[in-house]
Amino acid sequence: MTANRIDTLLALLPIAGHEGELRSALESADLPTDDIDETGRTFFRIAQGDDTVGYCGYELYGDSVLLRSVVITPANRHKGLGRGATDLLIRRAYAEGARAAYLLTTNAAPFFETLGFTPIDRARAPAAILQTRQAISLCPASALLLAKTLEG
């Protein structure tokens, strides 16, 4: 995972799941919000200088991490910020012990595939990932599961 110019301009600032701005951003992007204030979820405000350009988060399960809700505000899309923010998020999870990243998506698979994620059969995912609310009930059965091995 190498830093790129965009992610050196970004910062991930911790934010509580119950923050209204996080919930609004997720809802406007049609992303799940039912469990964002439960324990075990870590969310961030993606900042570029003083500006909020998006939100992202994850759930860490030992050496596996489930990426949650990477969303860039509409005015800031198509500028490479999603790629930079995802890279920062993965590096943070790696620093906390994650060695494999997973995510569920109904419409963003092409984006995440450009970041090295590949679709996998759910049967190949760790039980901890399959037992999340995302996998069990929040994402439809049609959602693709993508995975990526993380390296330092």
N, C-alpha and C. Protein backbone atom coordinates (compact mmCIF):
# COMPACT_ATOMS: atom_id res chain seq x y z
N MET A 1 0.83 -1.16 0.00
CA MET A 1 0.00 0.00 0.00
C MET A 1 0.89 1.24 0.00
N THR A 2 0.91 1.92 -1.09
CA THR A 2 1.75 3.10 -1.17
C THR A 2 0.88 4.35 -1.15
N ALA A 3 1.39 5.37 -0.53
CA ALA A 3 0.66 6.63 -0.46
C ALA A 3 0.65 7.27 -1.84
N ASN A 4 -0.44 7.92 -2.18
CA ASN A 4 -0.47 8.69 -3.41
C ASN A 4 -0.70 10.15 -3.06
N ARG A 5 -0.59 11.01 -4.03
CA ARG A 5 -0.68 12.45 -3.77
C ARG A 5 -2.00 12.83 -3.13
N ILE A 6 -3.09 12.26 -3.56
CA ILE A 6 -4.40 12.59 -3.01
C ILE A 6 -4.47 12.24 -1.53
N ASP A 7 -4.06 11.00 -1.15
CA ASP A 7 -4.27 10.61 0.24
C ASP A 7 -3.34 11.36 1.20
N THR A 8 -2.29 11.98 0.70
CA THR A 8 -1.46 12.79 1.60
C THR A 8 -2.15 14.11 1.91
N LEU A 9 -3.15 14.48 1.14
CA LEU A 9 -3.91 15.70 1.38
C LEU A 9 -5.16 15.44 2.21
N LEU A 10 -5.45 14.19 2.49
CA LEU A 10 -6.65 13.81 3.22
C LEU A 10 -6.32 13.41 4.65
N ALA A 11 -7.31 13.54 5.51
CA ALA A 11 -7.18 13.06 6.88
C ALA A 11 -8.46 12.33 7.24
N LEU A 12 -8.31 11.25 8.01
CA LEU A 12 -9.47 10.54 8.56
C LEU A 12 -9.62 10.96 10.01
N LEU A 13 -10.71 11.63 10.31
CA LEU A 13 -10.96 12.14 11.65
C LEU A 13 -12.08 11.33 12.28
N PRO A 14 -11.84 10.70 13.43
CA PRO A 14 -12.87 9.86 14.06
C PRO A 14 -14.17 10.63 14.28
N ILE A 15 -15.27 9.93 14.05
CA ILE A 15 -16.60 10.51 14.24
C ILE A 15 -17.49 9.43 14.85
N ALA A 16 -18.36 9.83 15.75
CA ALA A 16 -19.28 8.88 16.38
C ALA A 16 -20.36 8.47 15.38
N GLY A 17 -20.79 7.21 15.49
CA GLY A 17 -21.82 6.70 14.59
C GLY A 17 -23.14 7.44 14.68
N HIS A 18 -23.42 8.06 15.81
CA HIS A 18 -24.70 8.75 15.97
C HIS A 18 -24.70 10.18 15.42
N GLU A 19 -23.56 10.64 14.90
CA GLU A 19 -23.49 11.99 14.34
C GLU A 19 -24.45 12.14 13.16
N GLY A 20 -25.24 13.20 13.20
CA GLY A 20 -26.25 13.43 12.17
C GLY A 20 -25.69 13.59 10.77
N GLU A 21 -24.52 14.23 10.65
CA GLU A 21 -23.94 14.45 9.32
C GLU A 21 -23.52 13.13 8.68
N LEU A 22 -23.04 12.19 9.48
CA LEU A 22 -22.68 10.86 8.96
C LEU A 22 -23.93 10.16 8.47
N ARG A 23 -24.95 10.12 9.31
CA ARG A 23 -26.20 9.46 8.94
C ARG A 23 -26.79 10.06 7.67
N SER A 24 -26.82 11.37 7.56
CA SER A 24 -27.37 12.05 6.37
C SER A 24 -26.61 11.69 5.11
N ALA A 25 -25.28 11.68 5.21
CA ALA A 25 -24.46 11.35 4.04
C ALA A 25 -24.71 9.92 3.59
N LEU A 26 -24.79 8.99 4.54
CA LEU A 26 -25.04 7.59 4.19
C LEU A 26 -26.42 7.41 3.58
N GLU A 27 -27.41 8.05 4.20
CA GLU A 27 -28.78 7.93 3.68
C GLU A 27 -28.89 8.51 2.27
N SER A 28 -28.24 9.63 2.01
CA SER A 28 -28.33 10.24 0.68
C SER A 28 -27.63 9.39 -0.38
N ALA A 29 -26.72 8.51 0.05
CA ALA A 29 -26.05 7.60 -0.88
C ALA A 29 -26.69 6.21 -0.88
N ASP A 30 -27.84 6.09 -0.23
CA ASP A 30 -28.56 4.81 -0.14
C ASP A 30 -27.71 3.72 0.51
N LEU A 31 -26.93 4.09 1.54
CA LEU A 31 -26.11 3.13 2.28
C LEU A 31 -26.76 2.86 3.63
N PRO A 32 -26.52 1.67 4.20
CA PRO A 32 -27.18 1.29 5.46
C PRO A 32 -26.78 2.19 6.63
N THR A 33 -27.78 2.47 7.48
CA THR A 33 -27.53 3.28 8.68
C THR A 33 -28.08 2.62 9.95
N ASP A 34 -28.78 1.52 9.83
CA ASP A 34 -29.47 0.92 10.97
C ASP A 34 -28.54 0.55 12.12
N ASP A 35 -27.28 0.28 11.84
CA ASP A 35 -26.39 -0.20 12.90
C ASP A 35 -25.19 0.71 13.16
N ILE A 36 -25.19 1.92 12.62
CA ILE A 36 -23.97 2.72 12.69
C ILE A 36 -23.60 3.19 14.09
N ASP A 37 -24.54 3.19 15.01
CA ASP A 37 -24.20 3.62 16.37
C ASP A 37 -23.98 2.45 17.32
N GLU A 38 -23.90 1.25 16.80
CA GLU A 38 -23.62 0.08 17.63
C GLU A 38 -22.12 -0.03 17.90
N THR A 39 -21.76 -0.73 18.95
CA THR A 39 -20.34 -0.90 19.27
C THR A 39 -19.65 -1.72 18.18
N GLY A 40 -18.35 -1.52 18.06
CA GLY A 40 -17.57 -2.27 17.09
C GLY A 40 -17.47 -1.63 15.72
N ARG A 41 -18.13 -0.50 15.54
CA ARG A 41 -18.05 0.23 14.27
C ARG A 41 -17.16 1.45 14.49
N THR A 42 -16.27 1.69 13.54
CA THR A 42 -15.38 2.84 13.62
C THR A 42 -15.61 3.67 12.36
N PHE A 43 -16.01 4.93 12.57
CA PHE A 43 -16.29 5.80 11.43
C PHE A 43 -15.39 7.02 11.46
N PHE A 44 -15.21 7.59 10.26
CA PHE A 44 -14.34 8.75 10.10
C PHE A 44 -15.00 9.78 9.19
N ARG A 45 -14.71 11.03 9.49
CA ARG A 45 -15.00 12.12 8.57
C ARG A 45 -13.76 12.25 7.71
N ILE A 46 -13.93 12.27 6.40
CA ILE A 46 -12.81 12.43 5.49
C ILE A 46 -12.65 13.94 5.27
N ALA A 47 -11.50 14.44 5.69
CA ALA A 47 -11.27 15.89 5.60
C ALA A 47 -10.15 16.19 4.61
N GLN A 48 -10.33 17.26 3.90
CA GLN A 48 -9.29 17.81 3.03
C GLN A 48 -9.14 19.26 3.49
N GLY A 49 -8.10 19.51 4.26
CA GLY A 49 -7.98 20.80 4.92
C GLY A 49 -9.11 20.94 5.92
N ASP A 50 -9.84 22.04 5.86
CA ASP A 50 -10.97 22.26 6.76
C ASP A 50 -12.29 21.73 6.22
N ASP A 51 -12.26 21.21 5.00
CA ASP A 51 -13.49 20.78 4.34
C ASP A 51 -13.77 19.30 4.58
N THR A 52 -15.04 18.99 4.80
CA THR A 52 -15.48 17.60 4.85
C THR A 52 -15.78 17.16 3.43
N VAL A 53 -15.11 16.10 2.97
CA VAL A 53 -15.32 15.62 1.60
C VAL A 53 -15.98 14.24 1.57
N GLY A 54 -16.20 13.64 2.75
CA GLY A 54 -16.87 12.36 2.78
C GLY A 54 -16.78 11.69 4.14
N TYR A 55 -17.18 10.42 4.14
CA TYR A 55 -17.21 9.62 5.36
C TYR A 55 -16.85 8.18 5.00
N CYS A 56 -16.29 7.47 5.95
CA CYS A 56 -15.97 6.07 5.74
C CYS A 56 -15.86 5.38 7.10
N GLY A 57 -15.77 4.07 7.07
CA GLY A 57 -15.63 3.36 8.33
C GLY A 57 -15.32 1.89 8.12
N TYR A 58 -15.15 1.21 9.25
CA TYR A 58 -14.90 -0.23 9.19
C TYR A 58 -15.28 -0.90 10.49
N GLU A 59 -15.34 -2.23 10.40
CA GLU A 59 -15.52 -3.10 11.56
C GLU A 59 -14.34 -4.07 11.54
N LEU A 60 -13.59 -4.10 12.63
CA LEU A 60 -12.40 -4.95 12.71
C LEU A 60 -12.74 -6.24 13.45
N TYR A 61 -12.39 -7.37 12.86
CA TYR A 61 -12.62 -8.70 13.44
C TYR A 61 -11.31 -9.47 13.37
N GLY A 62 -10.46 -9.30 14.39
CA GLY A 62 -9.17 -9.99 14.39
C GLY A 62 -8.33 -9.52 13.23
N ASP A 63 -7.95 -10.44 12.34
CA ASP A 63 -7.12 -10.05 11.21
C ASP A 63 -7.94 -9.77 9.94
N SER A 64 -9.25 -9.64 10.12
CA SER A 64 -10.14 -9.30 9.00
C SER A 64 -10.84 -7.98 9.29
N VAL A 65 -11.06 -7.21 8.25
CA VAL A 65 -11.77 -5.93 8.40
C VAL A 65 -12.88 -5.86 7.35
N LEU A 66 -14.04 -5.41 7.79
CA LEU A 66 -15.16 -5.17 6.89
C LEU A 66 -15.23 -3.67 6.65
N LEU A 67 -14.95 -3.24 5.42
CA LEU A 67 -15.04 -1.83 5.09
C LEU A 67 -16.52 -1.44 5.03
N ARG A 68 -16.80 -0.26 5.56
CA ARG A 68 -18.16 0.23 5.63
C ARG A 68 -18.29 1.57 4.93
N SER A 69 -19.21 1.70 4.07
CA SER A 69 -19.75 2.99 3.67
C SER A 69 -18.72 4.05 3.31
N VAL A 70 -17.90 3.79 2.33
CA VAL A 70 -17.02 4.85 1.82
C VAL A 70 -17.90 5.73 0.92
N VAL A 71 -18.12 6.96 1.35
CA VAL A 71 -18.98 7.87 0.59
C VAL A 71 -18.31 9.24 0.50
N ILE A 72 -18.24 9.75 -0.72
CA ILE A 72 -17.68 11.07 -0.98
C ILE A 72 -18.87 12.00 -1.29
N THR A 73 -18.81 13.20 -0.76
CA THR A 73 -19.90 14.15 -1.00
C THR A 73 -20.02 14.42 -2.50
N PRO A 74 -21.26 14.66 -2.97
CA PRO A 74 -21.46 14.83 -4.42
C PRO A 74 -20.54 15.86 -5.07
N ALA A 75 -20.29 16.99 -4.43
CA ALA A 75 -19.45 18.03 -5.02
C ALA A 75 -17.98 17.62 -5.14
N ASN A 76 -17.59 16.56 -4.45
CA ASN A 76 -16.19 16.15 -4.44
C ASN A 76 -15.92 14.83 -5.15
N ARG A 77 -16.91 14.29 -5.82
CA ARG A 77 -16.73 13.02 -6.52
C ARG A 77 -15.92 13.20 -7.80
N HIS A 78 -15.34 12.10 -8.25
CA HIS A 78 -14.56 12.04 -9.50
C HIS A 78 -13.29 12.88 -9.44
N LYS A 79 -12.71 12.98 -8.24
CA LYS A 79 -11.46 13.71 -8.04
C LYS A 79 -10.38 12.82 -7.44
N GLY A 80 -10.65 11.52 -7.32
CA GLY A 80 -9.67 10.61 -6.74
C GLY A 80 -9.74 10.52 -5.22
N LEU A 81 -10.69 11.20 -4.61
CA LEU A 81 -10.78 11.22 -3.15
C LEU A 81 -11.25 9.88 -2.58
N GLY A 82 -12.12 9.20 -3.27
CA GLY A 82 -12.58 7.89 -2.80
C GLY A 82 -11.43 6.89 -2.76
N ARG A 83 -10.60 6.93 -3.78
CA ARG A 83 -9.42 6.06 -3.83
C ARG A 83 -8.46 6.40 -2.68
N GLY A 84 -8.19 7.68 -2.49
CA GLY A 84 -7.28 8.10 -1.43
C GLY A 84 -7.82 7.77 -0.05
N ALA A 85 -9.10 8.01 0.16
CA ALA A 85 -9.71 7.71 1.46
C ALA A 85 -9.72 6.22 1.74
N THR A 86 -10.01 5.41 0.72
CA THR A 86 -10.02 3.96 0.91
C THR A 86 -8.62 3.47 1.24
N ASP A 87 -7.62 4.01 0.59
CA ASP A 87 -6.24 3.63 0.89
C ASP A 87 -5.90 3.98 2.34
N LEU A 88 -6.25 5.18 2.79
CA LEU A 88 -6.00 5.56 4.18
C LEU A 88 -6.73 4.64 5.15
N LEU A 89 -7.97 4.31 4.83
CA LEU A 89 -8.78 3.44 5.68
C LEU A 89 -8.14 2.05 5.80
N ILE A 90 -7.69 1.52 4.67
CA ILE A 90 -7.05 0.20 4.67
C ILE A 90 -5.74 0.24 5.46
N ARG A 91 -4.98 1.30 5.29
CA ARG A 91 -3.71 1.40 6.05
C ARG A 91 -3.97 1.49 7.55
N ARG A 92 -5.02 2.20 7.94
CA ARG A 92 -5.36 2.29 9.36
C ARG A 92 -5.76 0.91 9.89
N ALA A 93 -6.59 0.19 9.14
CA ALA A 93 -7.00 -1.15 9.57
C ALA A 93 -5.81 -2.10 9.63
N TYR A 94 -4.89 -1.98 8.67
CA TYR A 94 -3.68 -2.80 8.67
C TYR A 94 -2.86 -2.53 9.94
N ALA A 95 -2.73 -1.27 10.31
CA ALA A 95 -1.98 -0.90 11.52
C ALA A 95 -2.62 -1.49 12.78
N GLU A 96 -3.92 -1.76 12.71
CA GLU A 96 -4.64 -2.36 13.84
C GLU A 96 -4.67 -3.89 13.76
N GLY A 97 -3.98 -4.47 12.77
CA GLY A 97 -3.86 -5.92 12.69
C GLY A 97 -4.59 -6.61 11.56
N ALA A 98 -5.36 -5.87 10.77
CA ALA A 98 -6.08 -6.50 9.66
C ALA A 98 -5.11 -6.94 8.57
N ARG A 99 -5.31 -8.13 8.05
CA ARG A 99 -4.50 -8.64 6.96
C ARG A 99 -5.34 -9.01 5.74
N ALA A 100 -6.66 -8.91 5.89
CA ALA A 100 -7.58 -9.12 4.77
C ALA A 100 -8.75 -8.17 4.94
N ALA A 101 -9.16 -7.55 3.83
CA ALA A 101 -10.28 -6.61 3.84
C ALA A 101 -11.42 -7.18 3.02
N TYR A 102 -12.62 -6.93 3.48
CA TYR A 102 -13.84 -7.39 2.81
C TYR A 102 -14.81 -6.23 2.72
N LEU A 103 -15.70 -6.29 1.74
CA LEU A 103 -16.79 -5.32 1.65
C LEU A 103 -17.92 -5.93 0.86
N LEU A 104 -19.10 -5.43 1.13
CA LEU A 104 -20.30 -5.82 0.40
C LEU A 104 -20.80 -4.62 -0.38
N THR A 105 -21.18 -4.83 -1.63
CA THR A 105 -21.66 -3.72 -2.44
C THR A 105 -22.67 -4.19 -3.47
N THR A 106 -23.60 -3.32 -3.77
CA THR A 106 -24.55 -3.61 -4.83
C THR A 106 -24.22 -2.84 -6.11
N ASN A 107 -23.40 -1.77 -5.98
CA ASN A 107 -23.15 -0.96 -7.17
C ASN A 107 -21.74 -0.40 -7.31
N ALA A 108 -20.84 -0.69 -6.37
CA ALA A 108 -19.51 -0.09 -6.43
C ALA A 108 -18.39 -1.09 -6.71
N ALA A 109 -18.74 -2.30 -7.13
CA ALA A 109 -17.71 -3.31 -7.40
C ALA A 109 -16.66 -2.83 -8.40
N PRO A 110 -17.04 -2.21 -9.51
CA PRO A 110 -16.00 -1.77 -10.46
C PRO A 110 -14.99 -0.81 -9.82
N PHE A 111 -15.45 0.11 -8.98
CA PHE A 111 -14.53 1.03 -8.30
C PHE A 111 -13.56 0.26 -7.42
N PHE A 112 -14.08 -0.63 -6.57
CA PHE A 112 -13.22 -1.35 -5.64
C PHE A 112 -12.30 -2.34 -6.35
N GLU A 113 -12.72 -2.86 -7.49
CA GLU A 113 -11.85 -3.75 -8.25
C GLU A 113 -10.62 -2.99 -8.76
N THR A 114 -10.75 -1.69 -9.04
CA THR A 114 -9.58 -0.91 -9.46
C THR A 114 -8.60 -0.73 -8.31
N LEU A 115 -9.06 -0.98 -7.08
CA LEU A 115 -8.20 -0.87 -5.89
C LEU A 115 -7.64 -2.23 -5.46
N GLY A 116 -7.86 -3.25 -6.28
CA GLY A 116 -7.29 -4.56 -6.00
C GLY A 116 -8.23 -5.54 -5.31
N PHE A 117 -9.48 -5.16 -5.10
CA PHE A 117 -10.46 -6.09 -4.53
C PHE A 117 -10.96 -7.01 -5.63
N THR A 118 -11.27 -8.26 -5.25
CA THR A 118 -11.82 -9.21 -6.20
C THR A 118 -13.08 -9.84 -5.61
N PRO A 119 -14.06 -10.11 -6.45
CA PRO A 119 -15.28 -10.77 -5.95
C PRO A 119 -14.95 -12.19 -5.48
N ILE A 120 -15.54 -12.58 -4.37
CA ILE A 120 -15.37 -13.95 -3.88
C ILE A 120 -16.73 -14.51 -3.49
N ASP A 121 -16.81 -15.82 -3.45
CA ASP A 121 -18.01 -16.49 -2.97
C ASP A 121 -18.10 -16.29 -1.46
N ARG A 122 -19.27 -16.06 -0.97
CA ARG A 122 -19.44 -15.82 0.47
C ARG A 122 -18.90 -16.97 1.32
N ALA A 123 -18.95 -18.17 0.78
CA ALA A 123 -18.46 -19.33 1.54
C ALA A 123 -16.96 -19.24 1.85
N ARG A 124 -16.24 -18.40 1.11
CA ARG A 124 -14.79 -18.26 1.33
C ARG A 124 -14.44 -17.19 2.37
N ALA A 125 -15.44 -16.45 2.84
CA ALA A 125 -15.18 -15.38 3.81
C ALA A 125 -15.14 -15.95 5.22
N PRO A 126 -14.39 -15.28 6.11
CA PRO A 126 -14.36 -15.72 7.51
C PRO A 126 -15.75 -15.64 8.15
N ALA A 127 -16.00 -16.52 9.09
CA ALA A 127 -17.30 -16.54 9.78
C ALA A 127 -17.62 -15.18 10.40
N ALA A 128 -16.61 -14.50 10.95
CA ALA A 128 -16.85 -13.21 11.60
C ALA A 128 -17.43 -12.19 10.61
N ILE A 129 -16.99 -12.23 9.38
CA ILE A 129 -17.51 -11.31 8.36
C ILE A 129 -18.93 -11.70 7.98
N LEU A 130 -19.16 -12.99 7.83
CA LEU A 130 -20.49 -13.47 7.44
C LEU A 130 -21.53 -13.28 8.53
N GLN A 131 -21.10 -13.12 9.77
CA GLN A 131 -22.02 -12.94 10.89
C GLN A 131 -22.31 -11.48 11.21
N THR A 132 -21.79 -10.55 10.41
CA THR A 132 -22.07 -9.13 10.64
C THR A 132 -23.49 -8.81 10.21
N ARG A 133 -24.03 -7.73 10.76
CA ARG A 133 -25.37 -7.29 10.35
C ARG A 133 -25.38 -6.93 8.87
N GLN A 134 -24.25 -6.41 8.37
CA GLN A 134 -24.16 -6.08 6.95
C GLN A 134 -24.43 -7.33 6.11
N ALA A 135 -23.75 -8.43 6.44
CA ALA A 135 -23.87 -9.65 5.64
C ALA A 135 -25.20 -10.36 5.87
N ILE A 136 -25.70 -10.31 7.10
CA ILE A 136 -26.92 -11.05 7.43
C ILE A 136 -28.19 -10.35 6.97
N SER A 137 -28.28 -9.05 7.21
CA SER A 137 -29.57 -8.42 6.96
C SER A 137 -29.54 -7.04 6.30
N LEU A 138 -28.49 -6.26 6.47
CA LEU A 138 -28.52 -4.89 5.96
C LEU A 138 -28.28 -4.81 4.46
N CYS A 139 -27.43 -5.67 3.94
CA CYS A 139 -27.18 -5.70 2.50
C CYS A 139 -28.02 -6.81 1.88
N PRO A 140 -28.57 -6.57 0.70
CA PRO A 140 -29.37 -7.62 0.06
C PRO A 140 -28.51 -8.82 -0.32
N ALA A 141 -29.17 -9.95 -0.48
CA ALA A 141 -28.46 -11.18 -0.86
C ALA A 141 -27.75 -11.01 -2.19
N SER A 142 -28.22 -10.08 -3.02
CA SER A 142 -27.60 -9.85 -4.32
C SER A 142 -26.29 -9.05 -4.23
N ALA A 143 -25.98 -8.51 -3.05
CA ALA A 143 -24.75 -7.73 -2.89
C ALA A 143 -23.53 -8.62 -3.11
N LEU A 144 -22.57 -8.09 -3.83
CA LEU A 144 -21.32 -8.82 -4.07
C LEU A 144 -20.41 -8.68 -2.86
N LEU A 145 -19.70 -9.75 -2.54
CA LEU A 145 -18.67 -9.73 -1.51
C LEU A 145 -17.33 -9.65 -2.23
N LEU A 146 -16.55 -8.65 -1.87
CA LEU A 146 -15.22 -8.47 -2.45
C LEU A 146 -14.18 -8.59 -1.35
N ALA A 147 -12.99 -9.03 -1.72
CA ALA A 147 -11.92 -9.24 -0.74
C ALA A 147 -10.60 -8.76 -1.31
N LYS A 148 -9.69 -8.43 -0.38
CA LYS A 148 -8.35 -8.03 -0.76
C LYS A 148 -7.40 -8.43 0.36
N THR A 149 -6.28 -9.06 -0.01
CA THR A 149 -5.23 -9.36 0.96
C THR A 149 -4.45 -8.07 1.20
N LEU A 150 -4.20 -7.76 2.46
CA LEU A 150 -3.48 -6.53 2.82
C LEU A 150 -2.02 -6.84 3.10
N GLU A 151 -1.16 -5.99 2.61
CA GLU A 151 0.28 -6.13 2.83
C GLU A 151 0.83 -4.80 3.30
N GLY A 152 1.86 -4.86 4.13
CA GLY A 152 2.46 -3.64 4.69
C GLY A 152 3.29 -2.87 3.72
